[in-house]
Every structure is written in structure tokens, then in C-alpha cells.
Amino acid sequence: MNSEAEKNEWCKRKIRKFLGPFLVAIGLGYTYHSHLTGCPRYIIFGGWAMGPPVWFILESVFLYDPKEEDLQHFKHYQSLGRDLWLGFLVFLAAFYLGNWN
């Protein structure tokens, strides 16, 4: 097998493409399950407030290869993720702190 094909089979970009949405799905599933089981809201909110920024840092340190990827594309990808994360965080804050009776 060609060594170039092996190298590109599981490149950092491809790992990021699958691992990011998988972690989001796990987080959303855990959030839904936590609401059903009565987990304290501050734990859920804290997890969503701290988890994604930690992921973005780990992603940029370990899963970004500046030799093979465009920095502008990576920044755009992270800014889209950041915007979705902030939107969900605002939704959780409104849901937890609002008067939804």
C-alpha cells in the first residue's frame, strides 16, 4: 500500500471532522438525559460553558496541522463552532434563568 495513501487515510482533519460532531452528539444526549434524571442545572451549564472552549484549544493544539491545512479555513471552521456553541449557551441560560411557567 502506498505510504501517502496511508498517511491521508486518517489525517488530523478527518479525525476532527468525525470527533467534533460525535462529542456534540454525546453532550446533547447527556444534557437531555440529565434533564430527565434531575441533574443540577449548574453542572449542565458549567459543562457547556467550559467543555467546548477546552475542545477548541485541544483541537488547535493536537488536531491542526499547519503544514497540510489552510489557517483561514481552520479559523472559519472554529468560528462556526464557536457561534453554535454560544447560541446554545445563551439558550440554556435563558431556559435556566428565565421564567418559563
PDB file of N, CA and C in Angstrom:
ATOM      1  N   MET A   1       0.849  -1.187   0.000  1.00  0.00           N
ATOM      2  CA  MET A   1       0.000   0.000   0.000  1.00  0.00           C
ATOM      3  C   MET A   1       0.889   1.242   0.000  1.00  0.00           C
ATOM      4  N   ASN A   2       0.446   2.248  -0.666  1.00  0.00           N
ATOM      5  CA  ASN A   2       1.205   3.491  -0.786  1.00  0.00           C
ATOM      6  C   ASN A   2       1.265   4.214   0.560  1.00  0.00           C
ATOM      7  N   SER A   3       2.450   4.670   0.956  1.00  0.00           N
ATOM      8  CA  SER A   3       2.583   5.345   2.253  1.00  0.00           C
ATOM      9  C   SER A   3       1.838   6.673   2.273  1.00  0.00           C
ATOM     10  N   GLU A   4       1.736   7.351   1.113  1.00  0.00           N
ATOM     11  CA  GLU A   4       0.986   8.617   1.038  1.00  0.00           C
ATOM     12  C   GLU A   4      -0.509   8.372   1.266  1.00  0.00           C
ATOM     13  N   ALA A   5      -1.042   7.263   0.751  1.00  0.00           N
ATOM     14  CA  ALA A   5      -2.451   6.924   0.965  1.00  0.00           C
ATOM     15  C   ALA A   5      -2.708   6.578   2.420  1.00  0.00           C
ATOM     16  N   GLU A   6      -1.764   5.879   3.054  1.00  0.00           N
ATOM     17  CA  GLU A   6      -1.915   5.569   4.474  1.00  0.00           C
ATOM     18  C   GLU A   6      -1.905   6.836   5.313  1.00  0.00           C
ATOM     19  N   LYS A   7      -1.046   7.755   4.965  1.00  0.00           N
ATOM     20  CA  LYS A   7      -0.934   8.999   5.720  1.00  0.00           C
ATOM     21  C   LYS A   7      -2.220   9.817   5.624  1.00  0.00           C
ATOM     22  N   ASN A   8      -2.832   9.857   4.455  1.00  0.00           N
ATOM     23  CA  ASN A   8      -4.035  10.658   4.251  1.00  0.00           C
ATOM     24  C   ASN A   8      -5.310   9.958   4.705  1.00  0.00           C
ATOM     25  N   GLU A   9      -5.236   8.651   4.977  1.00  0.00           N
ATOM     26  CA  GLU A   9      -6.441   7.924   5.358  1.00  0.00           C
ATOM     27  C   GLU A   9      -7.040   8.456   6.655  1.00  0.00           C
ATOM     28  N   TRP A  10      -6.241   8.658   7.675  1.00  0.00           N
ATOM     29  CA  TRP A  10      -6.734   9.204   8.938  1.00  0.00           C
ATOM     30  C   TRP A  10      -5.918  10.442   9.310  1.00  0.00           C
ATOM     31  N   CYS A  11      -6.023  11.454   8.486  1.00  0.00           N
ATOM     32  CA  CYS A  11      -5.314  12.691   8.778  1.00  0.00           C
ATOM     33  C   CYS A  11      -6.038  13.436   9.900  1.00  0.00           C
ATOM     34  N   LYS A  12      -5.373  14.424  10.445  1.00  0.00           N
ATOM     35  CA  LYS A  12      -5.931  15.164  11.571  1.00  0.00           C
ATOM     36  C   LYS A  12      -7.245  15.838  11.207  1.00  0.00           C
ATOM     37  N   ARG A  13      -7.357  16.317   9.989  1.00  0.00           N
ATOM     38  CA  ARG A  13      -8.591  16.980   9.546  1.00  0.00           C
ATOM     39  C   ARG A  13      -9.770  16.014   9.546  1.00  0.00           C
ATOM     40  N   LYS A  14      -9.523  14.785   9.092  1.00  0.00           N
ATOM     41  CA  LYS A  14     -10.588  13.786   9.055  1.00  0.00           C
ATOM     42  C   LYS A  14     -10.993  13.360  10.459  1.00  0.00           C
ATOM     43  N   ILE A  15     -10.020  13.225  11.349  1.00  0.00           N
ATOM     44  CA  ILE A  15     -10.326  12.889  12.741  1.00  0.00           C
ATOM     45  C   ILE A  15     -11.195  13.982  13.348  1.00  0.00           C
ATOM     46  N   ARG A  16     -10.821  15.236  13.106  1.00  0.00           N
ATOM     47  CA  ARG A  16     -11.584  16.382  13.617  1.00  0.00           C
ATOM     48  C   ARG A  16     -13.007  16.393  13.052  1.00  0.00           C
ATOM     49  N   LYS A  17     -13.136  16.024  11.798  1.00  0.00           N
ATOM     50  CA  LYS A  17     -14.442  16.023  11.132  1.00  0.00           C
ATOM     51  C   LYS A  17     -15.418  15.057  11.793  1.00  0.00           C
ATOM     52  N   PHE A  18     -14.933  13.944  12.289  1.00  0.00           N
ATOM     53  CA  PHE A  18     -15.810  12.957  12.920  1.00  0.00           C
ATOM     54  C   PHE A  18     -15.881  13.117  14.437  1.00  0.00           C
ATOM     55  N   LEU A  19     -14.785  13.470  15.064  1.00  0.00           N
ATOM     56  CA  LEU A  19     -14.757  13.553  16.526  1.00  0.00           C
ATOM     57  C   LEU A  19     -15.561  14.737  17.047  1.00  0.00           C
ATOM     58  N   GLY A  20     -15.506  15.883  16.382  1.00  0.00           N
ATOM     59  CA  GLY A  20     -16.253  17.067  16.822  1.00  0.00           C
ATOM     60  C   GLY A  20     -17.757  16.830  16.898  1.00  0.00           C
ATOM     61  N   PRO A  21     -18.397  16.414  15.781  1.00  0.00           N
ATOM     62  CA  PRO A  21     -19.837  16.139  15.853  1.00  0.00           C
ATOM     63  C   PRO A  21     -20.203  15.004  16.799  1.00  0.00           C
ATOM     64  N   PHE A  22     -19.321  14.011  16.927  1.00  0.00           N
ATOM     65  CA  PHE A  22     -19.573  12.923  17.871  1.00  0.00           C
ATOM     66  C   PHE A  22     -19.619  13.456  19.302  1.00  0.00           C
ATOM     67  N   LEU A  23     -18.686  14.327  19.666  1.00  0.00           N
ATOM     68  CA  LEU A  23     -18.677  14.902  21.011  1.00  0.00           C
ATOM     69  C   LEU A  23     -19.894  15.796  21.248  1.00  0.00           C
ATOM     70  N   VAL A  24     -20.320  16.515  20.222  1.00  0.00           N
ATOM     71  CA  VAL A  24     -21.525  17.344  20.348  1.00  0.00           C
ATOM     72  C   VAL A  24     -22.747  16.455  20.579  1.00  0.00           C
ATOM     73  N   ALA A  25     -22.853  15.367  19.830  1.00  0.00           N
ATOM     74  CA  ALA A  25     -23.984  14.449  19.999  1.00  0.00           C
ATOM     75  C   ALA A  25     -23.983  13.834  21.398  1.00  0.00           C
ATOM     76  N   ILE A  26     -22.820  13.458  21.897  1.00  0.00           N
ATOM     77  CA  ILE A  26     -22.719  12.920  23.256  1.00  0.00           C
ATOM     78  C   ILE A  26     -23.148  13.972  24.271  1.00  0.00           C
ATOM     79  N   GLY A  27     -22.695  15.209  24.095  1.00  0.00           N
ATOM     80  CA  GLY A  27     -23.058  16.296  25.006  1.00  0.00           C
ATOM     81  C   GLY A  27     -24.551  16.581  25.009  1.00  0.00           C
ATOM     82  N   LEU A  28     -25.152  16.611  23.827  1.00  0.00           N
ATOM     83  CA  LEU A  28     -26.602  16.854  23.751  1.00  0.00           C
ATOM     84  C   LEU A  28     -27.386  15.700  24.363  1.00  0.00           C
ATOM     85  N   GLY A  29     -26.939  14.475  24.110  1.00  0.00           N
ATOM     86  CA  GLY A  29     -27.595  13.316  24.715  1.00  0.00           C
ATOM     87  C   GLY A  29     -27.485  13.331  26.230  1.00  0.00           C
ATOM     88  N   TYR A  30     -26.308  13.687  26.724  1.00  0.00           N
ATOM     89  CA  TYR A  30     -26.130  13.763  28.172  1.00  0.00           C
ATOM     90  C   TYR A  30     -26.979  14.889  28.766  1.00  0.00           C
ATOM     91  N   THR A  31     -27.077  16.008  28.077  1.00  0.00           N
ATOM     92  CA  THR A  31     -27.901  17.120  28.562  1.00  0.00           C
ATOM     93  C   THR A  31     -29.358  16.701  28.651  1.00  0.00           C
ATOM     94  N   TYR A  32     -29.856  16.031  27.621  1.00  0.00           N
ATOM     95  CA  TYR A  32     -31.243  15.567  27.639  1.00  0.00           C
ATOM     96  C   TYR A  32     -31.455  14.560  28.770  1.00  0.00           C
ATOM     97  N   HIS A  33     -30.537  13.613  28.898  1.00  0.00           N
ATOM     98  CA  HIS A  33     -30.643  12.611  29.967  1.00  0.00           C
ATOM     99  C   HIS A  33     -30.572  13.270  31.346  1.00  0.00           C
ATOM    100  N   SER A  34     -29.743  14.285  31.491  1.00  0.00           N
ATOM    101  CA  SER A  34     -29.603  14.976  32.775  1.00  0.00           C
ATOM    102  C   SER A  34     -30.879  15.708  33.156  1.00  0.00           C
ATOM    103  N   HIS A  35     -31.578  16.240  32.175  1.00  0.00           N
ATOM    104  CA  HIS A  35     -32.849  16.900  32.477  1.00  0.00           C
ATOM    105  C   HIS A  35     -33.892  15.896  32.953  1.00  0.00           C
ATOM    106  N   LEU A  36     -33.839  14.692  32.414  1.00  0.00           N
ATOM    107  CA  LEU A  36     -34.799  13.666  32.820  1.00  0.00           C
ATOM    108  C   LEU A  36     -34.490  13.120  34.210  1.00  0.00           C
ATOM    109  N   THR A  37     -33.218  13.030  34.561  1.00  0.00           N
ATOM    110  CA  THR A  37     -32.840  12.434  35.839  1.00  0.00           C
ATOM    111  C   THR A  37     -32.676  13.461  36.954  1.00  0.00           C
ATOM    112  N   GLY A  38     -32.791  14.740  36.642  1.00  0.00           N
ATOM    113  CA  GLY A  38     -32.740  15.763  37.675  1.00  0.00           C
ATOM    114  C   GLY A  38     -31.349  16.205  38.066  1.00  0.00           C
ATOM    115  N   CYS A  39     -30.412  16.136  37.145  1.00  0.00           N
ATOM    116  CA  CYS A  39     -29.056  16.623  37.420  1.00  0.00           C
ATOM    117  C   CYS A  39     -29.114  18.134  37.679  1.00  0.00           C
ATOM    118  N   PRO A  40     -28.352  18.639  38.630  1.00  0.00           N
ATOM    119  CA  PRO A  40     -28.382  20.086  38.894  1.00  0.00           C
ATOM    120  C   PRO A  40     -28.041  20.888  37.639  1.00  0.00           C
ATOM    121  N   ARG A  41     -28.775  21.960  37.446  1.00  0.00           N
ATOM    122  CA  ARG A  41     -28.609  22.758  36.234  1.00  0.00           C
ATOM    123  C   ARG A  41     -27.251  23.418  36.142  1.00  0.00           C
ATOM    124  N   TYR A  42     -26.662  23.759  37.273  1.00  0.00           N
ATOM    125  CA  TYR A  42     -25.360  24.420  37.212  1.00  0.00           C
ATOM    126  C   TYR A  42     -24.282  23.478  36.688  1.00  0.00           C
ATOM    127  N   ILE A  43     -24.446  22.184  36.876  1.00  0.00           N
ATOM    128  CA  ILE A  43     -23.477  21.225  36.345  1.00  0.00           C
ATOM    129  C   ILE A  43     -23.612  21.149  34.822  1.00  0.00           C
ATOM    130  N   ILE A  44     -24.844  21.100  34.340  1.00  0.00           N
ATOM    131  CA  ILE A  44     -25.066  21.067  32.896  1.00  0.00           C
ATOM    132  C   ILE A  44     -24.545  22.350  32.257  1.00  0.00           C
ATOM    133  N   PHE A  45     -24.908  23.481  32.835  1.00  0.00           N
ATOM    134  CA  PHE A  45     -24.484  24.767  32.284  1.00  0.00           C
ATOM    135  C   PHE A  45     -22.959  24.911  32.351  1.00  0.00           C
ATOM    136  N   GLY A  46     -22.363  24.490  33.437  1.00  0.00           N
ATOM    137  CA  GLY A  46     -20.903  24.548  33.561  1.00  0.00           C
ATOM    138  C   GLY A  46     -20.201  23.670  32.542  1.00  0.00           C
ATOM    139  N   GLY A  47     -20.773  22.509  32.295  1.00  0.00           N
ATOM    140  CA  GLY A  47     -20.196  21.623  31.288  1.00  0.00           C
ATOM    141  C   GLY A  47     -20.231  22.235  29.899  1.00  0.00           C
ATOM    142  N   TRP A  48     -21.365  22.865  29.573  1.00  0.00           N
ATOM    143  CA  TRP A  48     -21.466  23.508  28.264  1.00  0.00           C
ATOM    144  C   TRP A  48     -20.679  24.811  28.207  1.00  0.00           C
ATOM    145  N   ALA A  49     -20.453  25.449  29.337  1.00  0.00           N
ATOM    146  CA  ALA A  49     -19.676  26.689  29.336  1.00  0.00           C
ATOM    147  C   ALA A  49     -18.178  26.404  29.208  1.00  0.00           C
ATOM    148  N   MET A  50     -17.705  25.318  29.777  1.00  0.00           N
ATOM    149  CA  MET A  50     -16.270  25.032  29.782  1.00  0.00           C
ATOM    150  C   MET A  50     -15.845  23.962  28.772  1.00  0.00           C
ATOM    151  N   GLY A  51     -16.733  23.043  28.443  1.00  0.00           N
ATOM    152  CA  GLY A  51     -16.365  21.941  27.551  1.00  0.00           C
ATOM    153  C   GLY A  51     -15.949  22.361  26.153  1.00  0.00           C
ATOM    154  N   PRO A  52     -16.780  23.097  25.431  1.00  0.00           N
ATOM    155  CA  PRO A  52     -16.386  23.485  24.072  1.00  0.00           C
ATOM    156  C   PRO A  52     -15.129  24.341  23.978  1.00  0.00           C
ATOM    157  N   PRO A  53     -14.904  25.324  24.868  1.00  0.00           N
ATOM    158  CA  PRO A  53     -13.626  26.039  24.750  1.00  0.00           C
ATOM    159  C   PRO A  53     -12.406  25.130  24.958  1.00  0.00           C
ATOM    160  N   VAL A  54     -12.532  24.173  25.861  1.00  0.00           N
ATOM    161  CA  VAL A  54     -11.440  23.219  26.062  1.00  0.00           C
ATOM    162  C   VAL A  54     -11.240  22.392  24.789  1.00  0.00           C
ATOM    163  N   TRP A  55     -12.347  21.978  24.159  1.00  0.00           N
ATOM    164  CA  TRP A  55     -12.259  21.232  22.899  1.00  0.00           C
ATOM    165  C   TRP A  55     -11.581  22.075  21.819  1.00  0.00           C
ATOM    166  N   PHE A  56     -11.940  23.347  21.706  1.00  0.00           N
ATOM    167  CA  PHE A  56     -11.335  24.208  20.690  1.00  0.00           C
ATOM    168  C   PHE A  56      -9.828  24.341  20.910  1.00  0.00           C
ATOM    169  N   ILE A  57      -9.413  24.428  22.162  1.00  0.00           N
ATOM    170  CA  ILE A  57      -7.983  24.523  22.457  1.00  0.00           C
ATOM    171  C   ILE A  57      -7.278  23.214  22.114  1.00  0.00           C
ATOM    172  N   LEU A  58      -7.846  22.094  22.538  1.00  0.00           N
ATOM    173  CA  LEU A  58      -7.241  20.792  22.233  1.00  0.00           C
ATOM    174  C   LEU A  58      -7.200  20.544  20.728  1.00  0.00           C
ATOM    175  N   GLU A  59      -8.256  20.962  20.055  1.00  0.00           N
ATOM    176  CA  GLU A  59      -8.330  20.797  18.610  1.00  0.00           C
ATOM    177  C   GLU A  59      -7.228  21.593  17.910  1.00  0.00           C
ATOM    178  N   SER A  60      -7.010  22.831  18.344  1.00  0.00           N
ATOM    179  CA  SER A  60      -5.993  23.645  17.690  1.00  0.00           C
ATOM    180  C   SER A  60      -4.578  23.177  18.019  1.00  0.00           C
ATOM    181  N   VAL A  61      -4.386  22.609  19.203  1.00  0.00           N
ATOM    182  CA  VAL A  61      -3.047  22.150  19.584  1.00  0.00           C
ATOM    183  C   VAL A  61      -2.724  20.781  18.978  1.00  0.00           C
ATOM    184  N   PHE A  62      -3.671  19.839  19.042  1.00  0.00           N
ATOM    185  CA  PHE A  62      -3.374  18.464  18.648  1.00  0.00           C
ATOM    186  C   PHE A  62      -3.923  18.051  17.288  1.00  0.00           C
ATOM    187  N   LEU A  63      -5.004  18.669  16.821  1.00  0.00           N
ATOM    188  CA  LEU A  63      -5.642  18.198  15.594  1.00  0.00           C
ATOM    189  C   LEU A  63      -5.562  19.187  14.431  1.00  0.00           C
ATOM    190  N   TYR A  64      -4.710  20.168  14.522  1.00  0.00           N
ATOM    191  CA  TYR A  64      -4.496  21.095  13.417  1.00  0.00           C
ATOM    192  C   TYR A  64      -3.068  20.937  12.934  1.00  0.00           C
ATOM    193  N   ASP A  65      -2.920  20.680  11.651  1.00  0.00           N
ATOM    194  CA  ASP A  65      -1.606  20.517  11.057  1.00  0.00           C
ATOM    195  C   ASP A  65      -1.343  21.688  10.118  1.00  0.00           C
ATOM    196  N   PRO A  66      -0.527  22.652  10.539  1.00  0.00           N
ATOM    197  CA  PRO A  66      -0.303  23.840   9.711  1.00  0.00           C
ATOM    198  C   PRO A  66       0.406  23.540   8.395  1.00  0.00           C
ATOM    199  N   LYS A  67       1.072  22.400   8.293  1.00  0.00           N
ATOM    200  CA  LYS A  67       1.764  22.051   7.050  1.00  0.00           C
ATOM    201  C   LYS A  67       0.797  21.602   5.959  1.00  0.00           C
ATOM    202  N   GLU A  68      -0.341  21.023   6.355  1.00  0.00           N
ATOM    203  CA  GLU A  68      -1.263  20.454   5.376  1.00  0.00           C
ATOM    204  C   GLU A  68      -2.604  21.180   5.288  1.00  0.00           C
ATOM    205  N   GLU A  69      -2.871  22.129   6.173  1.00  0.00           N
ATOM    206  CA  GLU A  69      -4.168  22.792   6.181  1.00  0.00           C
ATOM    207  C   GLU A  69      -4.012  24.303   6.073  1.00  0.00           C
ATOM    208  N   ASP A  70      -5.049  24.917   5.547  1.00  0.00           N
ATOM    209  CA  ASP A  70      -5.090  26.366   5.442  1.00  0.00           C
ATOM    210  C   ASP A  70      -5.560  26.948   6.775  1.00  0.00           C
ATOM    211  N   LEU A  71      -4.822  27.912   7.285  1.00  0.00           N
ATOM    212  CA  LEU A  71      -5.164  28.517   8.575  1.00  0.00           C
ATOM    213  C   LEU A  71      -6.503  29.235   8.517  1.00  0.00           C
ATOM    214  N   GLN A  72      -6.792  29.908   7.412  1.00  0.00           N
ATOM    215  CA  GLN A  72      -8.054  30.639   7.298  1.00  0.00           C
ATOM    216  C   GLN A  72      -9.252  29.679   7.314  1.00  0.00           C
ATOM    217  N   HIS A  73      -9.106  28.534   6.669  1.00  0.00           N
ATOM    218  CA  HIS A  73     -10.178  27.534   6.683  1.00  0.00           C
ATOM    219  C   HIS A  73     -10.393  27.007   8.099  1.00  0.00           C
ATOM    220  N   PHE A  74      -9.316  26.750   8.808  1.00  0.00           N
ATOM    221  CA  PHE A  74      -9.419  26.267  10.178  1.00  0.00           C
ATOM    222  C   PHE A  74     -10.062  27.309  11.082  1.00  0.00           C
ATOM    223  N   LYS A  75      -9.674  28.577  10.937  1.00  0.00           N
ATOM    224  CA  LYS A  75     -10.275  29.645  11.741  1.00  0.00           C
ATOM    225  C   LYS A  75     -11.765  29.780  11.442  1.00  0.00           C
ATOM    226  N   HIS A  76     -12.139  29.652  10.175  1.00  0.00           N
ATOM    227  CA  HIS A  76     -13.559  29.730   9.806  1.00  0.00           C
ATOM    228  C   HIS A  76     -14.340  28.577  10.429  1.00  0.00           C
ATOM    229  N   TYR A  77     -13.777  27.386  10.376  1.00  0.00           N
ATOM    230  CA  TYR A  77     -14.396  26.206  10.975  1.00  0.00           C
ATOM    231  C   TYR A  77     -14.601  26.411  12.480  1.00  0.00           C
ATOM    232  N   GLN A  78     -13.579  26.920  13.163  1.00  0.00           N
ATOM    233  CA  GLN A  78     -13.707  27.138  14.601  1.00  0.00           C
ATOM    234  C   GLN A  78     -14.669  28.275  14.915  1.00  0.00           C
ATOM    235  N   SER A  79     -14.743  29.303  14.074  1.00  0.00           N
ATOM    236  CA  SER A  79     -15.681  30.394  14.347  1.00  0.00           C
ATOM    237  C   SER A  79     -17.126  29.931  14.184  1.00  0.00           C
ATOM    238  N   LEU A  80     -17.380  29.032  13.239  1.00  0.00           N
ATOM    239  CA  LEU A  80     -18.732  28.474  13.118  1.00  0.00           C
ATOM    240  C   LEU A  80     -19.092  27.648  14.353  1.00  0.00           C
ATOM    241  N   GLY A  81     -18.175  26.833  14.806  1.00  0.00           N
ATOM    242  CA  GLY A  81     -18.400  26.052  16.027  1.00  0.00           C
ATOM    243  C   GLY A  81     -18.611  26.941  17.232  1.00  0.00           C
ATOM    244  N   ARG A  82     -17.836  28.010  17.328  1.00  0.00           N
ATOM    245  CA  ARG A  82     -17.979  28.957  18.436  1.00  0.00           C
ATOM    246  C   ARG A  82     -19.347  29.617  18.420  1.00  0.00           C
ATOM    247  N   ASP A  83     -19.817  30.007  17.249  1.00  0.00           N
ATOM    248  CA  ASP A  83     -21.123  30.659  17.155  1.00  0.00           C
ATOM    249  C   ASP A  83     -22.254  29.717  17.553  1.00  0.00           C
ATOM    250  N   LEU A  84     -22.175  28.469  17.114  1.00  0.00           N
ATOM    251  CA  LEU A  84     -23.191  27.490  17.516  1.00  0.00           C
ATOM    252  C   LEU A  84     -23.143  27.234  19.015  1.00  0.00           C
ATOM    253  N   TRP A  85     -21.947  27.130  19.564  1.00  0.00           N
ATOM    254  CA  TRP A  85     -21.794  26.916  20.997  1.00  0.00           C
ATOM    255  C   TRP A  85     -22.361  28.089  21.785  1.00  0.00           C
ATOM    256  N   LEU A  86     -22.041  29.313  21.388  1.00  0.00           N
ATOM    257  CA  LEU A  86     -22.559  30.486  22.103  1.00  0.00           C
ATOM    258  C   LEU A  86     -24.083  30.561  22.010  1.00  0.00           C
ATOM    259  N   GLY A  87     -24.632  30.223  20.855  1.00  0.00           N
ATOM    260  CA  GLY A  87     -26.088  30.211  20.720  1.00  0.00           C
ATOM    261  C   GLY A  87     -26.736  29.212  21.660  1.00  0.00           C
ATOM    262  N   PHE A  88     -26.175  28.025  21.745  1.00  0.00           N
ATOM    263  CA  PHE A  88     -26.729  27.025  22.648  1.00  0.00           C
ATOM    264  C   PHE A  88     -26.551  27.435  24.104  1.00  0.00           C
ATOM    265  N   LEU A  89     -25.432  28.069  24.419  1.00  0.00           N
ATOM    266  CA  LEU A  89     -25.198  28.537  25.782  1.00  0.00           C
ATOM    267  C   LEU A  89     -26.184  29.631  26.172  1.00  0.00           C
ATOM    268  N   VAL A  90     -26.489  30.527  25.245  1.00  0.00           N
ATOM    269  CA  VAL A  90     -27.498  31.570  25.502  1.00  0.00           C
ATOM    270  C   VAL A  90     -28.863  30.929  25.692  1.00  0.00           C
ATOM    271  N   PHE A  91     -29.181  29.927  24.880  1.00  0.00           N
ATOM    272  CA  PHE A  91     -30.457  29.219  25.042  1.00  0.00           C
ATOM    273  C   PHE A  91     -30.546  28.573  26.424  1.00  0.00           C
ATOM    274  N   LEU A  92     -29.482  27.892  26.852  1.00  0.00           N
ATOM    275  CA  LEU A  92     -29.503  27.267  28.182  1.00  0.00           C
ATOM    276  C   LEU A  92     -29.638  28.309  29.285  1.00  0.00           C
ATOM    277  N   ALA A  93     -28.942  29.431  29.132  1.00  0.00           N
ATOM    278  CA  ALA A  93     -29.034  30.492  30.158  1.00  0.00           C
ATOM    279  C   ALA A  93     -30.452  31.030  30.217  1.00  0.00           C
ATOM    280  N   ALA A  94     -31.075  31.266  29.084  1.00  0.00           N
ATOM    281  CA  ALA A  94     -32.449  31.761  29.064  1.00  0.00           C
ATOM    282  C   ALA A  94     -33.402  30.721  29.640  1.00  0.00           C
ATOM    283  N   PHE A  95     -33.174  29.456  29.305  1.00  0.00           N
ATOM    284  CA  PHE A  95     -34.042  28.389  29.792  1.00  0.00           C
ATOM    285  C   PHE A  95     -33.919  28.207  31.304  1.00  0.00           C
ATOM    286  N   TYR A  96     -32.687  28.277  31.811  1.00  0.00           N
ATOM    287  CA  TYR A  96     -32.468  28.067  33.237  1.00  0.00           C
ATOM    288  C   TYR A  96     -32.824  29.297  34.078  1.00  0.00           C
ATOM    289  N   LEU A  97     -32.553  30.475  33.580  1.00  0.00           N
ATOM    290  CA  LEU A  97     -32.750  31.680  34.363  1.00  0.00           C
ATOM    291  C   LEU A  97     -34.072  32.389  34.066  1.00  0.00           C
ATOM    292  N   GLY A  98     -34.688  32.026  32.953  1.00  0.00           N
ATOM    293  CA  GLY A  98     -35.944  32.679  32.586  1.00  0.00           C
ATOM    294  C   GLY A  98     -37.125  32.152  33.371  1.00  0.00           C
ATOM    295  N   ASN A  99     -38.204  32.844  33.258  1.00  0.00           N
ATOM    296  CA  ASN A  99     -39.441  32.449  33.924  1.00  0.00           C
ATOM    297  C   ASN A  99     -40.348  31.750  32.911  1.00  0.00           C
ATOM    298  N   TRP A 100     -40.237  30.430  32.813  1.00  0.00           N
ATOM    299  CA  TRP A 100     -40.926  29.640  31.787  1.00  0.00           C
ATOM    300  C   TRP A 100     -42.155  28.917  32.352  1.00  0.00           C
ATOM    301  N   ASN A 101     -42.915  29.548  33.176  1.00  0.00           N
ATOM    302  CA  ASN A 101     -44.105  28.909  33.755  1.00  0.00           C
ATOM    303  C   ASN A 101     -45.276  28.970  32.836  1.00  0.00           C
TER     304      ASN A 101
END
